[in-house]
C-alpha atoms as a PDB file:
ATOM      1  CA  MET A   1      93.674 121.111 285.549  1.00  0.00           C
ATOM      2  CA  LYS A   2      91.752 117.896 284.985  1.00  0.00           C
ATOM      3  CA  ARG A   3      92.523 114.517 286.438  1.00  0.00           C
ATOM      4  CA  VAL A   4      90.778 111.164 286.514  1.00  0.00           C
ATOM      5  CA  ASP A   5      90.142 109.298 289.743  1.00  0.00           C
ATOM      6  CA  VAL A   6      90.264 105.526 289.332  1.00  0.00           C
ATOM      7  CA  HIS A   7      88.586 103.192 291.832  1.00  0.00           C
ATOM      8  CA  TYR A   8      90.044  99.698 291.576  1.00  0.00           C
ATOM      9  CA  GLY A   9      90.112  96.843 294.084  1.00  0.00           C
ATOM     10  CA  GLY A  10      88.703  98.971 296.880  1.00  0.00           C
ATOM     11  CA  PHE A  11      91.359 101.684 296.552  1.00  0.00           C
ATOM     12  CA  ALA A  12      91.355 105.128 294.948  1.00  0.00           C
ATOM     13  CA  TYR A  13      94.049 106.150 292.472  1.00  0.00           C
ATOM     14  CA  THR A  14      94.600 109.240 290.315  1.00  0.00           C
ATOM     15  CA  ILE A  15      95.796 109.950 286.785  1.00  0.00           C
ATOM     16  CA  PRO A  16      96.841 113.618 286.544  1.00  0.00           C
ATOM     17  CA  ASP A  17      96.599 115.903 283.510  1.00  0.00           C
ATOM     18  CA  THR A  18      94.128 113.816 281.513  1.00  0.00           C
ATOM     19  CA  THR A  19      90.432 113.510 280.759  1.00  0.00           C
ATOM     20  CA  LEU A  20      87.846 110.818 281.260  1.00  0.00           C
ATOM     21  CA  ASP A  21      87.492 110.422 277.480  1.00  0.00           C
ATOM     22  CA  ALA A  22      91.246 109.827 277.065  1.00  0.00           C
ATOM     23  CA  VAL A  23      91.404 107.146 279.759  1.00  0.00           C
ATOM     24  CA  GLN A  24      88.259 105.422 278.480  1.00  0.00           C
ATOM     25  CA  ALA A  25      89.685 105.404 274.941  1.00  0.00           C
ATOM     26  CA  GLN A  26      92.961 103.880 276.181  1.00  0.00           C
ATOM     27  CA  ILE A  27      91.123 101.120 278.054  1.00  0.00           C
ATOM     28  CA  MET A  28      88.631 100.415 275.255  1.00  0.00           C
ATOM     29  CA  SER A  29      91.373 100.254 272.629  1.00  0.00           C
ATOM     30  CA  ALA A  30      93.250  97.568 274.555  1.00  0.00           C
ATOM     31  CA  LEU A  31      90.112  95.558 275.304  1.00  0.00           C
ATOM     32  CA  ARG A  32      88.866  95.823 271.713  1.00  0.00           C
ATOM     33  CA  ASP A  33      92.183  94.310 270.573  1.00  0.00           C
ATOM     34  CA  GLY A  34      91.760  91.500 273.116  1.00  0.00           C
ATOM     35  CA  GLU A  35      94.705  92.688 275.180  1.00  0.00           C
ATOM     36  CA  ALA A  36      95.213  93.430 278.836  1.00  0.00           C
ATOM     37  CA  LEU A  37      96.338  96.930 279.807  1.00  0.00           C
ATOM     38  CA  TRP A  38      98.736  98.062 282.496  1.00  0.00           C
ATOM     39  CA  LEU A  39      97.253 101.429 283.451  1.00  0.00           C
ATOM     40  CA  ARG A  40      99.773 103.794 285.119  1.00  0.00           C
ATOM     41  CA  VAL A  41      98.191 105.660 288.042  1.00  0.00           C
ATOM     42  CA  ASN A  42      99.288 107.485 291.198  1.00  0.00           C
ATOM     43  CA  TYR A  43      98.544 106.196 294.679  1.00  0.00           C
ATOM     44  CA  GLY A  44      98.571 108.323 297.825  1.00  0.00           C
ATOM     45  CA  SER A  45      98.462 112.012 298.574  1.00  0.00           C
ATOM     46  CA  GLY A  46     101.356 114.370 299.148  1.00  0.00           C
ATOM     47  CA  SER A  47     104.098 111.905 298.294  1.00  0.00           C
ATOM     48  CA  VAL A  48     102.588 109.769 295.540  1.00  0.00           C
ATOM     49  CA  LEU A  49     103.653 106.345 294.384  1.00  0.00           C
ATOM     50  CA  ALA A  50     103.455 105.419 290.687  1.00  0.00           C
ATOM     51  CA  THR A  51     101.419 102.223 290.432  1.00  0.00           C
ATOM     52  CA  ASP A  52     100.360  99.999 287.527  1.00  0.00           C
ATOM     53  CA  LEU A  53      96.868  98.465 287.523  1.00  0.00           C
ATOM     54  CA  LEU A  54      96.119  95.433 285.344  1.00  0.00           C
ATOM     55  CA  ILE A  55      92.937  96.064 283.350  1.00  0.00           C
ATOM     56  CA  THR A  56      91.306  93.067 281.632  1.00  0.00           C
ATOM     57  CA  SER A  57      87.849  92.404 280.225  1.00  0.00           C
ATOM     58  CA  GLY A  58      86.625  91.179 283.633  1.00  0.00           C
ATOM     59  CA  THR A  59      88.149  93.931 285.755  1.00  0.00           C
ATOM     60  CA  PRO A  60      85.684  96.122 287.663  1.00  0.00           C
ATOM     61  CA  VAL A  61      86.925  99.708 287.528  1.00  0.00           C
ATOM     62  CA  ALA A  62      85.218 103.066 288.060  1.00  0.00           C
ATOM     63  CA  LEU A  63      86.439 106.341 286.561  1.00  0.00           C
ATOM     64  CA  ALA A  64      85.544 109.894 287.596  1.00  0.00           C
ATOM     65  CA  GLU A  65      86.781 113.089 285.947  1.00  0.00           C
ATOM     66  CA  ILE A  66      87.777 115.820 288.392  1.00  0.00           C
ATOM     67  CA  ASP A  67      88.270 119.448 287.294  1.00  0.00           C
ATOM     68  CA  ASP A  68      90.304 121.305 289.908  1.00  0.00           C
ATOM     69  CA  ALA A  69      89.364 124.633 288.323  1.00  0.00           C
ATOM     70  CA  GLU A  70      85.764 124.297 289.531  1.00  0.00           C
END
């Protein structure tokens, strides 16, 4: 299973069951249209909390694809 780790505002979040390409495409599509994006992520381990991150053209964000099969 693949997931994407998102580093935003000094915290680490996760998006399960997706790929780096899919998340990048979602972000780039919103920014290309001049829109902000509320990106749904999970926060925490064990019991996770659904969290929305506001992504804008000036938002620093780092993405890393993790493959649990490896």
